[in-house]
Amino acid sequence: MKLKILIILTLGILITLLIYFNINDKKINFLALGDGISTGMTPYHVEGYDYNDYLTEYLNEKNLLDNYYKSFNETDETVISLLNKIKNNTSNVEQKIKIKQAIKEADIITISIGMDELNNYILKNNLGSTKIKGYLKQYEELLKIICQLNNKNIYLISLYSSSRINYNKISKINLEIKNLAQKYHLKYVDIEDITNHKDYFSFKNNYYLNYKGHEYIFTKIKNNVEKNNQLNNNLI
């Protein structure tokens, strides 16, 4: 009888250890979504090293990264075009995965959407309340769909002012994005003050960032991760 109890206890301990090590060995799937800020687009019309690349490097250094899905983001992406990608379940040919599956599997999702859309829009139109309300309505629809597929760690990157869109207007838009983040229990990454750092931009009249600017965004995300101890037990 004692031997039987001992065997049962031993098996219980072994199963517990197997579950523990399996959980702690889990690695992270990372999905980047967004426009030219997310792709690292530069004023030279080529993509450079972006904040997502810095985050990937950080996770690799900790031996935590499993998959990095980057090919779904696109320069000049708009909220509606990203929405359509998800609704149509677009495939990533290179990594052989559809966007809905990538969203479901992701342990981290970063979203930067709006800088291209609003700055391009204002070249030919007045950026008034109708456009802004439409943008925010579509933004919320985007978040609803993503959150239905994944309720893990989603980081919303704020907008920042440019030579085309002033600080006051951007601040009002960012306040609404922050409210959406709180409503859907997402993480809001405030980079509104990035324009105070002129060395983060290669040209005064171009809103695309250089590598220093992207490193700044990455640091903001990393600080959020570490502050909330989200890498504990190798899990985000």
C-alpha atoms as a PDB file:
ATOM      1  CA  MET A   1       0.000   0.000   0.000  1.00  0.00           C
ATOM      2  CA  LYS A   2       2.805   2.350   0.964  1.00  0.00           C
ATOM      3  CA  LEU A   3       4.630   1.517  -2.279  1.00  0.00           C
ATOM      4  CA  LYS A   4       1.478   2.313  -4.281  1.00  0.00           C
ATOM      5  CA  ILE A   5       1.087   5.696  -2.554  1.00  0.00           C
ATOM      6  CA  LEU A   6       4.779   6.444  -3.145  1.00  0.00           C
ATOM      7  CA  ILE A   7       4.429   5.627  -6.866  1.00  0.00           C
ATOM      8  CA  ILE A   8       1.338   7.846  -7.156  1.00  0.00           C
ATOM      9  CA  LEU A   9       3.110  10.723  -5.385  1.00  0.00           C
ATOM     10  CA  THR A  10       6.189  10.319  -7.577  1.00  0.00           C
ATOM     11  CA  LEU A  11       4.082  10.323 -10.745  1.00  0.00           C
ATOM     12  CA  GLY A  12       2.241  13.403  -9.510  1.00  0.00           C
ATOM     13  CA  ILE A  13       5.529  15.241  -8.942  1.00  0.00           C
ATOM     14  CA  LEU A  14       6.843  14.221 -12.362  1.00  0.00           C
ATOM     15  CA  ILE A  15       3.670  15.385 -14.108  1.00  0.00           C
ATOM     16  CA  THR A  16       3.811  18.700 -12.232  1.00  0.00           C
ATOM     17  CA  LEU A  17       7.439  19.203 -13.241  1.00  0.00           C
ATOM     18  CA  LEU A  18       6.671  18.364 -16.877  1.00  0.00           C
ATOM     19  CA  ILE A  19       3.822  20.888 -16.932  1.00  0.00           C
ATOM     20  CA  TYR A  20       6.017  23.505 -15.230  1.00  0.00           C
ATOM     21  CA  PHE A  21       8.909  23.136 -17.647  1.00  0.00           C
ATOM     22  CA  ASN A  22       6.596  23.004 -20.644  1.00  0.00           C
ATOM     23  CA  ILE A  23       5.013  26.306 -19.588  1.00  0.00           C
ATOM     24  CA  ASN A  24       8.331  27.949 -18.841  1.00  0.00           C
ATOM     25  CA  ASP A  25       9.836  26.819 -22.139  1.00  0.00           C
ATOM     26  CA  LYS A  26       7.071  28.497 -24.145  1.00  0.00           C
ATOM     27  CA  LYS A  27       8.400  31.033 -26.598  1.00  0.00           C
ATOM     28  CA  ILE A  28       6.781  34.138 -27.983  1.00  0.00           C
ATOM     29  CA  ASN A  29       5.017  34.763 -31.266  1.00  0.00           C
ATOM     30  CA  PHE A  30       5.244  38.436 -32.218  1.00  0.00           C
ATOM     31  CA  LEU A  31       3.056  40.200 -34.782  1.00  0.00           C
ATOM     32  CA  ALA A  32       3.665  43.725 -36.094  1.00  0.00           C
ATOM     33  CA  LEU A  33       0.794  45.611 -37.720  1.00  0.00           C
ATOM     34  CA  GLY A  34       0.724  49.112 -39.116  1.00  0.00           C
ATOM     35  CA  ASP A  35       1.913  51.641 -41.659  1.00  0.00           C
ATOM     36  CA  GLY A  36       5.258  53.183 -42.595  1.00  0.00           C
ATOM     37  CA  ILE A  37       6.162  53.832 -38.967  1.00  0.00           C
ATOM     38  CA  SER A  38       5.816  50.115 -38.325  1.00  0.00           C
ATOM     39  CA  THR A  39       7.858  49.167 -41.399  1.00  0.00           C
ATOM     40  CA  GLY A  40      10.687  51.595 -40.583  1.00  0.00           C
ATOM     41  CA  MET A  41      10.130  53.672 -43.710  1.00  0.00           C
ATOM     42  CA  THR A  42      12.639  56.526 -44.065  1.00  0.00           C
ATOM     43  CA  PRO A  43      12.656  59.826 -45.966  1.00  0.00           C
ATOM     44  CA  TYR A  44      14.885  58.057 -48.501  1.00  0.00           C
ATOM     45  CA  HIS A  45      11.951  55.772 -49.472  1.00  0.00           C
ATOM     46  CA  VAL A  46      13.660  52.669 -48.132  1.00  0.00           C
ATOM     47  CA  GLU A  47      12.815  50.715 -45.007  1.00  0.00           C
ATOM     48  CA  GLY A  48      15.289  50.912 -42.145  1.00  0.00           C
ATOM     49  CA  TYR A  49      15.665  49.306 -38.728  1.00  0.00           C
ATOM     50  CA  ASP A  50      12.418  49.902 -36.851  1.00  0.00           C
ATOM     51  CA  TYR A  51      11.129  49.545 -33.294  1.00  0.00           C
ATOM     52  CA  ASN A  52       9.728  46.103 -34.087  1.00  0.00           C
ATOM     53  CA  ASP A  53      13.208  44.978 -35.143  1.00  0.00           C
ATOM     54  CA  TYR A  54      14.627  46.274 -31.855  1.00  0.00           C
ATOM     55  CA  LEU A  55      11.942  44.370 -29.950  1.00  0.00           C
ATOM     56  CA  THR A  56      12.706  41.225 -31.952  1.00  0.00           C
ATOM     57  CA  GLU A  57      16.394  41.595 -31.129  1.00  0.00           C
ATOM     58  CA  TYR A  58      15.543  42.052 -27.441  1.00  0.00           C
ATOM     59  CA  LEU A  59      13.411  38.894 -27.359  1.00  0.00           C
ATOM     60  CA  ASN A  60      16.068  36.931 -29.239  1.00  0.00           C
ATOM     61  CA  GLU A  61      18.700  37.989 -26.723  1.00  0.00           C
ATOM     62  CA  LYS A  62      16.512  36.508 -23.997  1.00  0.00           C
ATOM     63  CA  ASN A  63      15.970  33.384 -26.132  1.00  0.00           C
ATOM     64  CA  LEU A  64      12.229  34.008 -26.015  1.00  0.00           C
ATOM     65  CA  LEU A  65      11.269  34.552 -29.646  1.00  0.00           C
ATOM     66  CA  ASP A  66       9.581  31.818 -31.653  1.00  0.00           C
ATOM     67  CA  ASN A  67       8.003  33.553 -34.676  1.00  0.00           C
ATOM     68  CA  TYR A  68       8.082  37.155 -35.878  1.00  0.00           C
ATOM     69  CA  TYR A  69       5.280  38.024 -38.291  1.00  0.00           C
ATOM     70  CA  LYS A  70       6.182  41.315 -39.932  1.00  0.00           C
ATOM     71  CA  SER A  71       5.060  41.049 -43.542  1.00  0.00           C
ATOM     72  CA  PHE A  72       1.452  42.024 -42.826  1.00  0.00           C
ATOM     73  CA  ASN A  73       2.404  45.655 -42.110  1.00  0.00           C
ATOM     74  CA  GLU A  74       2.791  47.983 -45.060  1.00  0.00           C
ATOM     75  CA  THR A  75       3.845  51.549 -45.803  1.00  0.00           C
ATOM     76  CA  ASP A  76       0.807  53.778 -46.492  1.00  0.00           C
ATOM     77  CA  GLU A  77      -1.453  51.272 -44.754  1.00  0.00           C
ATOM     78  CA  THR A  78      -4.752  52.816 -43.642  1.00  0.00           C
ATOM     79  CA  VAL A  79      -7.111  51.591 -40.960  1.00  0.00           C
ATOM     80  CA  ILE A  80      -9.612  50.449 -43.570  1.00  0.00           C
ATOM     81  CA  SER A  81      -6.995  48.611 -45.643  1.00  0.00           C
ATOM     82  CA  LEU A  82      -5.787  46.784 -42.520  1.00  0.00           C
ATOM     83  CA  LEU A  83      -9.392  45.996 -41.635  1.00  0.00           C
ATOM     84  CA  ASN A  84      -9.887  44.520 -45.095  1.00  0.00           C
ATOM     85  CA  LYS A  85      -6.748  42.396 -44.733  1.00  0.00           C
ATOM     86  CA  ILE A  86      -8.224  40.846 -41.612  1.00  0.00           C
ATOM     87  CA  LYS A  87     -11.743  40.480 -43.001  1.00  0.00           C
ATOM     88  CA  ASN A  88     -10.344  38.824 -46.134  1.00  0.00           C
ATOM     89  CA  ASN A  89      -7.890  36.794 -44.031  1.00  0.00           C
ATOM     90  CA  THR A  90      -4.903  37.746 -46.172  1.00  0.00           C
ATOM     91  CA  SER A  91      -2.042  35.244 -46.405  1.00  0.00           C
ATOM     92  CA  ASN A  92       1.605  35.845 -45.678  1.00  0.00           C
ATOM     93  CA  VAL A  93       3.143  33.901 -48.554  1.00  0.00           C
ATOM     94  CA  GLU A  94       6.666  34.033 -47.149  1.00  0.00           C
ATOM     95  CA  GLN A  95       5.738  32.591 -43.753  1.00  0.00           C
ATOM     96  CA  LYS A  96       2.743  30.610 -44.995  1.00  0.00           C
ATOM     97  CA  ILE A  97       0.294  31.918 -42.422  1.00  0.00           C
ATOM     98  CA  LYS A  98      -2.965  33.831 -42.685  1.00  0.00           C
ATOM     99  CA  ILE A  99      -3.430  37.047 -40.770  1.00  0.00           C
ATOM    100  CA  LYS A 100      -6.209  35.767 -38.498  1.00  0.00           C
ATOM    101  CA  GLN A 101      -4.081  32.811 -37.479  1.00  0.00           C
ATOM    102  CA  ALA A 102      -1.123  35.120 -36.841  1.00  0.00           C
ATOM    103  CA  ILE A 103      -3.321  37.340 -34.638  1.00  0.00           C
ATOM    104  CA  LYS A 104      -4.636  34.331 -32.709  1.00  0.00           C
ATOM    105  CA  GLU A 105      -1.155  32.891 -32.137  1.00  0.00           C
ATOM    106  CA  ALA A 106       0.552  36.160 -31.217  1.00  0.00           C
ATOM    107  CA  ASP A 107       1.719  36.740 -27.645  1.00  0.00           C
ATOM    108  CA  ILE A 108       2.651  40.328 -28.556  1.00  0.00           C
ATOM    109  CA  ILE A 109       0.998  42.564 -31.138  1.00  0.00           C
ATOM    110  CA  THR A 110       2.198  46.086 -31.906  1.00  0.00           C
ATOM    111  CA  ILE A 111      -0.071  48.445 -33.849  1.00  0.00           C
ATOM    112  CA  SER A 112       0.980  51.768 -35.347  1.00  0.00           C
ATOM    113  CA  ILE A 113      -1.662  53.056 -37.730  1.00  0.00           C
ATOM    114  CA  GLY A 114      -2.623  56.580 -38.730  1.00  0.00           C
ATOM    115  CA  MET A 115       0.531  58.584 -39.398  1.00  0.00           C
ATOM    116  CA  ASP A 116       0.583  57.746 -43.106  1.00  0.00           C
ATOM    117  CA  GLU A 117      -3.179  57.899 -43.500  1.00  0.00           C
ATOM    118  CA  LEU A 118      -3.690  61.307 -41.882  1.00  0.00           C
ATOM    119  CA  ASN A 119      -0.547  62.930 -43.260  1.00  0.00           C
ATOM    120  CA  ASN A 120      -1.337  61.745 -46.786  1.00  0.00           C
ATOM    121  CA  TYR A 121      -4.952  62.844 -46.465  1.00  0.00           C
ATOM    122  CA  ILE A 122      -4.061  66.386 -45.492  1.00  0.00           C
ATOM    123  CA  LEU A 123      -2.032  66.874 -48.683  1.00  0.00           C
ATOM    124  CA  LYS A 124      -5.276  67.193 -50.662  1.00  0.00           C
ATOM    125  CA  ASN A 125      -7.945  67.734 -48.009  1.00  0.00           C
ATOM    126  CA  ASN A 126      -8.717  69.592 -44.829  1.00  0.00           C
ATOM    127  CA  LEU A 127      -8.239  67.301 -41.836  1.00  0.00           C
ATOM    128  CA  GLY A 128     -11.531  68.169 -40.179  1.00  0.00           C
ATOM    129  CA  SER A 129     -13.810  66.468 -37.688  1.00  0.00           C
ATOM    130  CA  THR A 130     -15.513  64.277 -40.318  1.00  0.00           C
ATOM    131  CA  LYS A 131     -12.278  62.568 -41.346  1.00  0.00           C
ATOM    132  CA  ILE A 132     -11.023  62.287 -37.768  1.00  0.00           C
ATOM    133  CA  LYS A 133     -14.285  60.765 -36.526  1.00  0.00           C
ATOM    134  CA  GLY A 134     -14.275  58.333 -39.450  1.00  0.00           C
ATOM    135  CA  TYR A 135     -10.688  57.337 -38.720  1.00  0.00           C
ATOM    136  CA  LEU A 136     -11.434  56.747 -35.031  1.00  0.00           C
ATOM    137  CA  LYS A 137     -14.603  54.789 -35.789  1.00  0.00           C
ATOM    138  CA  GLN A 138     -12.686  52.483 -38.132  1.00  0.00           C
ATOM    139  CA  TYR A 139      -9.871  52.252 -35.555  1.00  0.00           C
ATOM    140  CA  GLU A 140     -12.337  50.987 -32.958  1.00  0.00           C
ATOM    141  CA  GLU A 141     -13.767  48.478 -35.418  1.00  0.00           C
ATOM    142  CA  LEU A 142     -10.214  47.247 -36.046  1.00  0.00           C
ATOM    143  CA  LEU A 143      -9.580  46.808 -32.326  1.00  0.00           C
ATOM    144  CA  LYS A 144     -12.881  44.973 -31.817  1.00  0.00           C
ATOM    145  CA  ILE A 145     -11.995  42.409 -34.477  1.00  0.00           C
ATOM    146  CA  ILE A 146      -8.441  41.927 -33.197  1.00  0.00           C
ATOM    147  CA  CYS A 147      -9.615  41.571 -29.589  1.00  0.00           C
ATOM    148  CA  GLN A 148     -12.145  38.937 -30.630  1.00  0.00           C
ATOM    149  CA  LEU A 149      -9.222  36.906 -31.950  1.00  0.00           C
ATOM    150  CA  ASN A 150      -6.668  37.745 -29.260  1.00  0.00           C
ATOM    151  CA  ASN A 151      -6.909  39.315 -25.804  1.00  0.00           C
ATOM    152  CA  LYS A 152      -3.244  39.057 -24.848  1.00  0.00           C
ATOM    153  CA  ASN A 153      -0.673  41.856 -25.022  1.00  0.00           C
ATOM    154  CA  ILE A 154      -1.536  44.426 -27.661  1.00  0.00           C
ATOM    155  CA  TYR A 155       0.432  47.670 -27.808  1.00  0.00           C
ATOM    156  CA  LEU A 156      -1.131  50.713 -29.468  1.00  0.00           C
ATOM    157  CA  ILE A 157       1.497  53.243 -30.571  1.00  0.00           C
ATOM    158  CA  SER A 158       0.284  56.838 -30.367  1.00  0.00           C
ATOM    159  CA  LEU A 159       0.516  59.383 -33.165  1.00  0.00           C
ATOM    160  CA  TYR A 160       2.754  62.456 -33.074  1.00  0.00           C
ATOM    161  CA  SER A 161       2.627  65.880 -34.685  1.00  0.00           C
ATOM    162  CA  SER A 162       4.305  66.703 -37.991  1.00  0.00           C
ATOM    163  CA  SER A 163       4.856  69.667 -40.283  1.00  0.00           C
ATOM    164  CA  ARG A 164       1.410  68.868 -41.716  1.00  0.00           C
ATOM    165  CA  ILE A 165      -0.589  68.171 -38.538  1.00  0.00           C
ATOM    166  CA  ASN A 166      -0.156  70.345 -35.472  1.00  0.00           C
ATOM    167  CA  TYR A 167       0.321  69.194 -31.892  1.00  0.00           C
ATOM    168  CA  ASN A 168      -3.127  70.220 -30.612  1.00  0.00           C
ATOM    169  CA  LYS A 169      -4.979  68.212 -33.244  1.00  0.00           C
ATOM    170  CA  ILE A 170      -2.784  65.159 -32.703  1.00  0.00           C
ATOM    171  CA  SER A 171      -3.236  65.394 -28.922  1.00  0.00           C
ATOM    172  CA  LYS A 172      -7.015  65.279 -29.287  1.00  0.00           C
ATOM    173  CA  ILE A 173      -6.790  62.241 -31.568  1.00  0.00           C
ATOM    174  CA  ASN A 174      -4.359  60.528 -29.193  1.00  0.00           C
ATOM    175  CA  LEU A 175      -6.711  61.094 -26.272  1.00  0.00           C
ATOM    176  CA  GLU A 176      -9.385  59.137 -28.140  1.00  0.00           C
ATOM    177  CA  ILE A 177      -6.911  56.365 -29.004  1.00  0.00           C
ATOM    178  CA  LYS A 178      -5.893  56.202 -25.339  1.00  0.00           C
ATOM    179  CA  ASN A 179      -9.561  55.922 -24.357  1.00  0.00           C
ATOM    180  CA  LEU A 180      -9.967  53.051 -26.827  1.00  0.00           C
ATOM    181  CA  ALA A 181      -6.934  51.333 -25.296  1.00  0.00           C
ATOM    182  CA  GLN A 182      -8.511  51.597 -21.849  1.00  0.00           C
ATOM    183  CA  LYS A 183     -11.906  50.447 -23.134  1.00  0.00           C
ATOM    184  CA  TYR A 184     -10.462  47.287 -24.686  1.00  0.00           C
ATOM    185  CA  HIS A 185      -7.812  46.723 -21.985  1.00  0.00           C
ATOM    186  CA  LEU A 186      -4.885  47.309 -24.329  1.00  0.00           C
ATOM    187  CA  LYS A 187      -1.517  48.916 -23.666  1.00  0.00           C
ATOM    188  CA  TYR A 188      -1.146  52.501 -24.862  1.00  0.00           C
ATOM    189  CA  VAL A 189       2.402  53.558 -25.780  1.00  0.00           C
ATOM    190  CA  ASP A 190       2.607  57.346 -25.633  1.00  0.00           C
ATOM    191  CA  ILE A 191       5.230  58.747 -28.032  1.00  0.00           C
ATOM    192  CA  GLU A 192       3.518  62.108 -28.541  1.00  0.00           C
ATOM    193  CA  ASP A 193       6.580  63.977 -27.264  1.00  0.00           C
ATOM    194  CA  ILE A 194       8.914  62.361 -29.812  1.00  0.00           C
ATOM    195  CA  THR A 195       8.911  65.580 -31.856  1.00  0.00           C
ATOM    196  CA  ASN A 196      10.753  67.278 -28.980  1.00  0.00           C
ATOM    197  CA  HIS A 197      13.802  65.236 -29.984  1.00  0.00           C
ATOM    198  CA  LYS A 198      15.001  66.678 -33.280  1.00  0.00           C
ATOM    199  CA  ASP A 199      17.796  64.121 -33.522  1.00  0.00           C
ATOM    200  CA  TYR A 200      15.136  61.412 -33.991  1.00  0.00           C
ATOM    201  CA  PHE A 201      14.349  62.782 -37.455  1.00  0.00           C
ATOM    202  CA  SER A 202      16.607  62.979 -40.479  1.00  0.00           C
ATOM    203  CA  PHE A 203      14.735  65.908 -42.016  1.00  0.00           C
ATOM    204  CA  LYS A 204      12.694  68.671 -40.413  1.00  0.00           C
ATOM    205  CA  ASN A 205       9.718  68.429 -42.767  1.00  0.00           C
ATOM    206  CA  ASN A 206       9.468  64.632 -42.923  1.00  0.00           C
ATOM    207  CA  TYR A 207       7.701  62.710 -40.158  1.00  0.00           C
ATOM    208  CA  TYR A 208       9.508  59.410 -40.744  1.00  0.00           C
ATOM    209  CA  LEU A 209      11.920  58.522 -37.950  1.00  0.00           C
ATOM    210  CA  ASN A 210      15.565  57.536 -38.017  1.00  0.00           C
ATOM    211  CA  TYR A 211      16.957  54.613 -36.051  1.00  0.00           C
ATOM    212  CA  LYS A 212      17.215  56.738 -32.890  1.00  0.00           C
ATOM    213  CA  GLY A 213      13.499  57.488 -33.064  1.00  0.00           C
ATOM    214  CA  HIS A 214      12.668  53.810 -33.460  1.00  0.00           C
ATOM    215  CA  GLU A 215      14.949  52.924 -30.584  1.00  0.00           C
ATOM    216  CA  TYR A 216      13.012  55.455 -28.490  1.00  0.00           C
ATOM    217  CA  ILE A 217       9.694  53.726 -29.306  1.00  0.00           C
ATOM    218  CA  PHE A 218      11.208  50.329 -28.554  1.00  0.00           C
ATOM    219  CA  THR A 219      12.428  51.583 -25.169  1.00  0.00           C
ATOM    220  CA  LYS A 220       8.911  52.771 -24.347  1.00  0.00           C
ATOM    221  CA  ILE A 221       7.518  49.319 -25.171  1.00  0.00           C
ATOM    222  CA  LYS A 222      10.301  47.501 -23.304  1.00  0.00           C
ATOM    223  CA  ASN A 223       9.770  49.647 -20.206  1.00  0.00           C
ATOM    224  CA  ASN A 224       6.085  48.748 -20.295  1.00  0.00           C
ATOM    225  CA  VAL A 225       6.909  45.052 -20.603  1.00  0.00           C
ATOM    226  CA  GLU A 226       9.422  45.127 -17.748  1.00  0.00           C
ATOM    227  CA  LYS A 227       7.299  47.386 -15.518  1.00  0.00           C
ATOM    228  CA  ASN A 228       4.456  44.895 -15.647  1.00  0.00           C
ATOM    229  CA  ASN A 229       6.817  41.911 -15.366  1.00  0.00           C
ATOM    230  CA  GLN A 230       5.360  40.475 -18.560  1.00  0.00           C
ATOM    231  CA  LEU A 231       8.415  38.355 -19.291  1.00  0.00           C
ATOM    232  CA  ASN A 232       7.989  36.443 -16.055  1.00  0.00           C
ATOM    233  CA  ASN A 233       8.103  32.672 -16.600  1.00  0.00           C
ATOM    234  CA  ASN A 234       9.098  33.245 -20.244  1.00  0.00           C
ATOM    235  CA  LEU A 235       5.580  34.447 -21.015  1.00  0.00           C
ATOM    236  CA  ILE A 236       4.364  37.814 -22.241  1.00  0.00           C
END
